[in-house]
Amino acid sequence: MILDATGERLGKIEVLGGILGAIIGIALFNIELFISIMAGLIILTLIERFSPLRRTSELKSSSSGVTIH
């Protein structure tokens, strides 16, 4: 596993570790701020997931035979 974690993967692992460390640091010092940040992220995720704009663009791309990943 360590030998596979090179180059681009290592960069992604470091970024993920930094983000997780920041979130845990906020949770340790100010739980109210942590809860409000998590609630905001959940709300934004739900808005993005159920957005009609996203569905419209998916329908257009599927009708043209091109899929976007």
PDB file of N, CA and C in Angstrom:
ATOM      1  N   MET A   1       0.828  -1.188   0.000  1.00  0.00           N
ATOM      2  CA  MET A   1       0.000   0.000   0.000  1.00  0.00           C
ATOM      3  C   MET A   1       0.873   1.253   0.000  1.00  0.00           C
ATOM      4  N   ILE A   2       1.941   1.231   0.763  1.00  0.00           N
ATOM      5  CA  ILE A   2       2.811   2.404   0.833  1.00  0.00           C
ATOM      6  C   ILE A   2       3.471   2.657  -0.512  1.00  0.00           C
ATOM      7  N   LEU A   3       3.865   1.593  -1.200  1.00  0.00           N
ATOM      8  CA  LEU A   3       4.506   1.765  -2.499  1.00  0.00           C
ATOM      9  C   LEU A   3       3.529   2.299  -3.539  1.00  0.00           C
ATOM     10  N   ASP A   4       2.234   1.995  -3.391  1.00  0.00           N
ATOM     11  CA  ASP A   4       1.229   2.507  -4.323  1.00  0.00           C
ATOM     12  C   ASP A   4       0.901   3.978  -4.075  1.00  0.00           C
ATOM     13  N   ALA A   5       1.167   4.476  -2.888  1.00  0.00           N
ATOM     14  CA  ALA A   5       0.821   5.853  -2.530  1.00  0.00           C
ATOM     15  C   ALA A   5       1.910   6.814  -2.987  1.00  0.00           C
ATOM     16  N   THR A   6       2.038   6.956  -4.286  1.00  0.00           N
ATOM     17  CA  THR A   6       3.039   7.868  -4.835  1.00  0.00           C
ATOM     18  C   THR A   6       2.387   8.822  -5.813  1.00  0.00           C
ATOM     19  N   GLY A   7       3.063   9.893  -6.085  1.00  0.00           N
ATOM     20  CA  GLY A   7       2.617  10.838  -7.109  1.00  0.00           C
ATOM     21  C   GLY A   7       1.276  11.452  -6.803  1.00  0.00           C
ATOM     22  N   GLU A   8       0.361  11.288  -7.734  1.00  0.00           N
ATOM     23  CA  GLU A   8      -0.953  11.918  -7.639  1.00  0.00           C
ATOM     24  C   GLU A   8      -1.739  11.402  -6.438  1.00  0.00           C
ATOM     25  N   ARG A   9      -1.640  10.121  -6.162  1.00  0.00           N
ATOM     26  CA  ARG A   9      -2.359   9.557  -5.019  1.00  0.00           C
ATOM     27  C   ARG A   9      -1.853  10.142  -3.706  1.00  0.00           C
ATOM     28  N   LEU A  10      -0.562  10.324  -3.603  1.00  0.00           N
ATOM     29  CA  LEU A  10       0.005  10.874  -2.375  1.00  0.00           C
ATOM     30  C   LEU A  10      -0.497  12.299  -2.141  1.00  0.00           C
ATOM     31  N   GLY A  11      -0.596  13.065  -3.208  1.00  0.00           N
ATOM     32  CA  GLY A  11      -1.131  14.423  -3.089  1.00  0.00           C
ATOM     33  C   GLY A  11      -2.568  14.423  -2.601  1.00  0.00           C
ATOM     34  N   LYS A  12      -3.377  13.506  -3.124  1.00  0.00           N
ATOM     35  CA  LYS A  12      -4.775  13.414  -2.699  1.00  0.00           C
ATOM     36  C   LYS A  12      -4.870  12.998  -1.237  1.00  0.00           C
ATOM     37  N   ILE A  13      -4.009  12.074  -0.828  1.00  0.00           N
ATOM     38  CA  ILE A  13      -4.006  11.626   0.565  1.00  0.00           C
ATOM     39  C   ILE A  13      -3.638  12.779   1.492  1.00  0.00           C
ATOM     40  N   GLU A  14      -2.658  13.589   1.105  1.00  0.00           N
ATOM     41  CA  GLU A  14      -2.244  14.718   1.937  1.00  0.00           C
ATOM     42  C   GLU A  14      -3.336  15.771   2.048  1.00  0.00           C
ATOM     43  N   VAL A  15      -4.018  16.044   0.948  1.00  0.00           N
ATOM     44  CA  VAL A  15      -5.111  17.023   0.977  1.00  0.00           C
ATOM     45  C   VAL A  15      -6.242  16.515   1.860  1.00  0.00           C
ATOM     46  N   LEU A  16      -6.599  15.249   1.705  1.00  0.00           N
ATOM     47  CA  LEU A  16      -7.658  14.673   2.530  1.00  0.00           C
ATOM     48  C   LEU A  16      -7.283  14.712   4.010  1.00  0.00           C
ATOM     49  N   GLY A  17      -6.036  14.398   4.316  1.00  0.00           N
ATOM     50  CA  GLY A  17      -5.573  14.458   5.702  1.00  0.00           C
ATOM     51  C   GLY A  17      -5.636  15.866   6.263  1.00  0.00           C
ATOM     52  N   GLY A  18      -5.288  16.852   5.452  1.00  0.00           N
ATOM     53  CA  GLY A  18      -5.366  18.239   5.897  1.00  0.00           C
ATOM     54  C   GLY A  18      -6.786  18.680   6.173  1.00  0.00           C
ATOM     55  N   ILE A  19      -7.700  18.291   5.297  1.00  0.00           N
ATOM     56  CA  ILE A  19      -9.110  18.651   5.487  1.00  0.00           C
ATOM     57  C   ILE A  19      -9.670  17.981   6.735  1.00  0.00           C
ATOM     58  N   LEU A  20      -9.386  16.688   6.888  1.00  0.00           N
ATOM     59  CA  LEU A  20      -9.879  15.980   8.074  1.00  0.00           C
ATOM     60  C   LEU A  20      -9.273  16.548   9.353  1.00  0.00           C
ATOM     61  N   GLY A  21      -7.994  16.902   9.317  1.00  0.00           N
ATOM     62  CA  GLY A  21      -7.353  17.501  10.481  1.00  0.00           C
ATOM     63  C   GLY A  21      -7.968  18.836  10.848  1.00  0.00           C
ATOM     64  N   ALA A  22      -8.291  19.635   9.846  1.00  0.00           N
ATOM     65  CA  ALA A  22      -8.926  20.930  10.110  1.00  0.00           C
ATOM     66  C   ALA A  22     -10.307  20.748  10.727  1.00  0.00           C
ATOM     67  N   ILE A  23     -11.060  19.793  10.211  1.00  0.00           N
ATOM     68  CA  ILE A  23     -12.403  19.542  10.751  1.00  0.00           C
ATOM     69  C   ILE A  23     -12.323  19.073  12.200  1.00  0.00           C
ATOM     70  N   ILE A  24     -11.412  18.163  12.486  1.00  0.00           N
ATOM     71  CA  ILE A  24     -11.261  17.668  13.854  1.00  0.00           C
ATOM     72  C   ILE A  24     -10.765  18.780  14.781  1.00  0.00           C
ATOM     73  N   GLY A  25      -9.869  19.630  14.295  1.00  0.00           N
ATOM     74  CA  GLY A  25      -9.390  20.750  15.096  1.00  0.00           C
ATOM     75  C   GLY A  25     -10.504  21.703  15.470  1.00  0.00           C
ATOM     76  N   ILE A  26     -11.381  21.987  14.525  1.00  0.00           N
ATOM     77  CA  ILE A  26     -12.531  22.851  14.814  1.00  0.00           C
ATOM     78  C   ILE A  26     -13.442  22.181  15.832  1.00  0.00           C
ATOM     79  N   ALA A  27     -13.659  20.871  15.669  1.00  0.00           N
ATOM     80  CA  ALA A  27     -14.543  20.147  16.591  1.00  0.00           C
ATOM     81  C   ALA A  27     -13.993  20.155  18.013  1.00  0.00           C
ATOM     82  N   LEU A  28     -12.680  20.097  18.157  1.00  0.00           N
ATOM     83  CA  LEU A  28     -12.089  20.071  19.496  1.00  0.00           C
ATOM     84  C   LEU A  28     -12.232  21.400  20.229  1.00  0.00           C
ATOM     85  N   PHE A  29     -12.160  22.502  19.500  1.00  0.00           N
ATOM     86  CA  PHE A  29     -12.150  23.811  20.147  1.00  0.00           C
ATOM     87  C   PHE A  29     -13.502  24.505  20.181  1.00  0.00           C
ATOM     88  N   ASN A  30     -14.365  24.220  19.209  1.00  0.00           N
ATOM     89  CA  ASN A  30     -15.650  24.908  19.166  1.00  0.00           C
ATOM     90  C   ASN A  30     -16.686  23.981  18.541  1.00  0.00           C
ATOM     91  N   ILE A  31     -17.385  23.231  19.365  1.00  0.00           N
ATOM     92  CA  ILE A  31     -18.321  22.231  18.871  1.00  0.00           C
ATOM     93  C   ILE A  31     -19.505  22.869  18.141  1.00  0.00           C
ATOM     94  N   GLU A  32     -19.927  24.074  18.559  1.00  0.00           N
ATOM     95  CA  GLU A  32     -21.044  24.738  17.880  1.00  0.00           C
ATOM     96  C   GLU A  32     -20.674  25.096  16.443  1.00  0.00           C
ATOM     97  N   LEU A  33     -19.460  25.592  16.250  1.00  0.00           N
ATOM     98  CA  LEU A  33     -19.000  25.916  14.906  1.00  0.00           C
ATOM     99  C   LEU A  33     -18.894  24.656  14.057  1.00  0.00           C
ATOM    100  N   PHE A  34     -18.403  23.581  14.638  1.00  0.00           N
ATOM    101  CA  PHE A  34     -18.292  22.308  13.934  1.00  0.00           C
ATOM    102  C   PHE A  34     -19.664  21.820  13.481  1.00  0.00           C
ATOM    103  N   ILE A  35     -20.630  21.871  14.377  1.00  0.00           N
ATOM    104  CA  ILE A  35     -21.981  21.412  14.034  1.00  0.00           C
ATOM    105  C   ILE A  35     -22.588  22.281  12.944  1.00  0.00           C
ATOM    106  N   SER A  36     -22.387  23.595  13.010  1.00  0.00           N
ATOM    107  CA  SER A  36     -22.947  24.475  11.984  1.00  0.00           C
ATOM    108  C   SER A  36     -22.266  24.256  10.633  1.00  0.00           C
ATOM    109  N   ILE A  37     -20.969  24.007  10.622  1.00  0.00           N
ATOM    110  CA  ILE A  37     -20.267  23.726   9.364  1.00  0.00           C
ATOM    111  C   ILE A  37     -20.767  22.415   8.766  1.00  0.00           C
ATOM    112  N   MET A  38     -20.905  21.387   9.597  1.00  0.00           N
ATOM    113  CA  MET A  38     -21.396  20.095   9.110  1.00  0.00           C
ATOM    114  C   MET A  38     -22.824  20.216   8.580  1.00  0.00           C
ATOM    115  N   ALA A  39     -23.672  20.969   9.287  1.00  0.00           N
ATOM    116  CA  ALA A  39     -25.046  21.169   8.828  1.00  0.00           C
ATOM    117  C   ALA A  39     -25.062  21.892   7.484  1.00  0.00           C
ATOM    118  N   GLY A  40     -24.214  22.896   7.342  1.00  0.00           N
ATOM    119  CA  GLY A  40     -24.126  23.606   6.066  1.00  0.00           C
ATOM    120  C   GLY A  40     -23.670  22.709   4.932  1.00  0.00           C
ATOM    121  N   LEU A  41     -22.681  21.862   5.201  1.00  0.00           N
ATOM    122  CA  LEU A  41     -22.209  20.933   4.169  1.00  0.00           C
ATOM    123  C   LEU A  41     -23.287  19.930   3.778  1.00  0.00           C
ATOM    124  N   ILE A  42     -24.032  19.450   4.755  1.00  0.00           N
ATOM    125  CA  ILE A  42     -25.115  18.508   4.462  1.00  0.00           C
ATOM    126  C   ILE A  42     -26.199  19.183   3.634  1.00  0.00           C
ATOM    127  N   ILE A  43     -26.562  20.400   3.992  1.00  0.00           N
ATOM    128  CA  ILE A  43     -27.579  21.137   3.237  1.00  0.00           C
ATOM    129  C   ILE A  43     -27.118  21.385   1.807  1.00  0.00           C
ATOM    130  N   LEU A  44     -25.863  21.811   1.629  1.00  0.00           N
ATOM    131  CA  LEU A  44     -25.352  22.038   0.275  1.00  0.00           C
ATOM    132  C   LEU A  44     -25.319  20.751  -0.541  1.00  0.00           C
ATOM    133  N   THR A  45     -24.967  19.646   0.091  1.00  0.00           N
ATOM    134  CA  THR A  45     -24.954  18.358  -0.598  1.00  0.00           C
ATOM    135  C   THR A  45     -26.357  17.968  -1.038  1.00  0.00           C
ATOM    136  N   LEU A  46     -27.333  18.162  -0.163  1.00  0.00           N
ATOM    137  CA  LEU A  46     -28.712  17.831  -0.519  1.00  0.00           C
ATOM    138  C   LEU A  46     -29.232  18.730  -1.634  1.00  0.00           C
ATOM    139  N   ILE A  47     -28.895  20.012  -1.588  1.00  0.00           N
ATOM    140  CA  ILE A  47     -29.313  20.930  -2.648  1.00  0.00           C
ATOM    141  C   ILE A  47     -28.715  20.501  -3.979  1.00  0.00           C
ATOM    142  N   GLU A  48     -27.435  20.154  -3.971  1.00  0.00           N
ATOM    143  CA  GLU A  48     -26.792  19.732  -5.209  1.00  0.00           C
ATOM    144  C   GLU A  48     -27.386  18.421  -5.718  1.00  0.00           C
ATOM    145  N   ARG A  49     -27.673  17.523  -4.815  1.00  0.00           N
ATOM    146  CA  ARG A  49     -28.184  16.205  -5.208  1.00  0.00           C
ATOM    147  C   ARG A  49     -29.565  16.299  -5.843  1.00  0.00           C
ATOM    148  N   PHE A  50     -30.412  17.150  -5.311  1.00  0.00           N
ATOM    149  CA  PHE A  50     -31.786  17.238  -5.786  1.00  0.00           C
ATOM    150  C   PHE A  50     -32.053  18.460  -6.656  1.00  0.00           C
ATOM    151  N   SER A  51     -31.006  19.089  -7.145  1.00  0.00           N
ATOM    152  CA  SER A  51     -31.155  20.285  -7.968  1.00  0.00           C
ATOM    153  C   SER A  51     -31.724  19.937  -9.341  1.00  0.00           C
ATOM    154  N   PRO A  52     -32.760  20.658  -9.783  1.00  0.00           N
ATOM    155  CA  PRO A  52     -33.300  20.399 -11.125  1.00  0.00           C
ATOM    156  C   PRO A  52     -32.330  20.817 -12.231  1.00  0.00           C
ATOM    157  N   LEU A  53     -31.444  21.763 -11.950  1.00  0.00           N
ATOM    158  CA  LEU A  53     -30.451  22.163 -12.950  1.00  0.00           C
ATOM    159  C   LEU A  53     -29.550  20.999 -13.325  1.00  0.00           C
ATOM    160  N   ARG A  54     -29.142  20.237 -12.364  1.00  0.00           N
ATOM    161  CA  ARG A  54     -28.261  19.095 -12.615  1.00  0.00           C
ATOM    162  C   ARG A  54     -28.982  18.044 -13.449  1.00  0.00           C
ATOM    163  N   ARG A  55     -30.237  17.791 -13.134  1.00  0.00           N
ATOM    164  CA  ARG A  55     -31.000  16.800 -13.892  1.00  0.00           C
ATOM    165  C   ARG A  55     -31.188  17.241 -15.332  1.00  0.00           C
ATOM    166  N   THR A  56     -31.412  18.520 -15.550  1.00  0.00           N
ATOM    167  CA  THR A  56     -31.580  19.028 -16.905  1.00  0.00           C
ATOM    168  C   THR A  56     -30.318  18.814 -17.717  1.00  0.00           C
ATOM    169  N   SER A  57     -29.160  19.095 -17.146  1.00  0.00           N
ATOM    170  CA  SER A  57     -27.910  18.904 -17.876  1.00  0.00           C
ATOM    171  C   SER A  57     -27.636  17.428 -18.111  1.00  0.00           C
ATOM    172  N   GLU A  58     -28.033  16.552 -17.178  1.00  0.00           N
ATOM    173  CA  GLU A  58     -27.856  15.118 -17.378  1.00  0.00           C
ATOM    174  C   GLU A  58     -28.753  14.619 -18.497  1.00  0.00           C
ATOM    175  N   LEU A  59     -29.978  15.132 -18.563  1.00  0.00           N
ATOM    176  CA  LEU A  59     -30.886  14.710 -19.624  1.00  0.00           C
ATOM    177  C   LEU A  59     -30.380  15.146 -20.988  1.00  0.00           C
ATOM    178  N   LYS A  60     -29.860  16.362 -21.079  1.00  0.00           N
ATOM    179  CA  LYS A  60     -29.325  16.845 -22.348  1.00  0.00           C
ATOM    180  C   LYS A  60     -28.125  16.025 -22.784  1.00  0.00           C
ATOM    181  N   SER A  61     -27.239  15.695 -21.857  1.00  0.00           N
ATOM    182  CA  SER A  61     -26.048  14.936 -22.221  1.00  0.00           C
ATOM    183  C   SER A  61     -26.396  13.504 -22.582  1.00  0.00           C
ATOM    184  N   SER A  62     -27.403  12.906 -21.934  1.00  0.00           N
ATOM    185  CA  SER A  62     -27.759  11.528 -22.264  1.00  0.00           C
ATOM    186  C   SER A  62     -28.485  11.464 -23.599  1.00  0.00           C
ATOM    187  N   SER A  63     -29.212  12.508 -23.972  1.00  0.00           N
ATOM    188  CA  SER A  63     -29.896  12.496 -25.256  1.00  0.00           C
ATOM    189  C   SER A  63     -28.926  12.683 -26.412  1.00  0.00           C
ATOM    190  N   SER A  64     -27.783  13.304 -26.166  1.00  0.00           N
ATOM    191  CA  SER A  64     -26.799  13.479 -27.226  1.00  0.00           C
ATOM    192  C   SER A  64     -25.843  12.303 -27.312  1.00  0.00           C
ATOM    193  N   GLY A  65     -25.958  11.347 -26.383  1.00  0.00           N
ATOM    194  CA  GLY A  65     -25.085  10.182 -26.405  1.00  0.00           C
ATOM    195  C   GLY A  65     -23.769  10.384 -25.696  1.00  0.00           C
ATOM    196  N   VAL A  66     -23.592  11.526 -25.052  1.00  0.00           N
ATOM    197  CA  VAL A  66     -22.358  11.820 -24.335  1.00  0.00           C
ATOM    198  C   VAL A  66     -22.657  11.785 -22.846  1.00  0.00           C
ATOM    199  N   THR A  67     -21.860  11.040 -22.104  1.00  0.00           N
ATOM    200  CA  THR A  67     -22.041  11.013 -20.658  1.00  0.00           C
ATOM    201  C   THR A  67     -20.902  11.761 -19.995  1.00  0.00           C
ATOM    202  N   ILE A  68     -21.243  12.492 -18.957  1.00  0.00           N
ATOM    203  CA  ILE A  68     -20.260  13.282 -18.223  1.00  0.00           C
ATOM    204  C   ILE A  68     -20.031  12.616 -16.879  1.00  0.00           C
ATOM    205  N   HIS A  69     -18.786  12.334 -16.562  1.00  0.00           N
ATOM    206  CA  HIS A  69     -18.455  11.688 -15.277  1.00  0.00           C
ATOM    207  C   HIS A  69     -17.607  12.609 -14.462  1.00  0.00           C
TER     208      HIS A  69
END
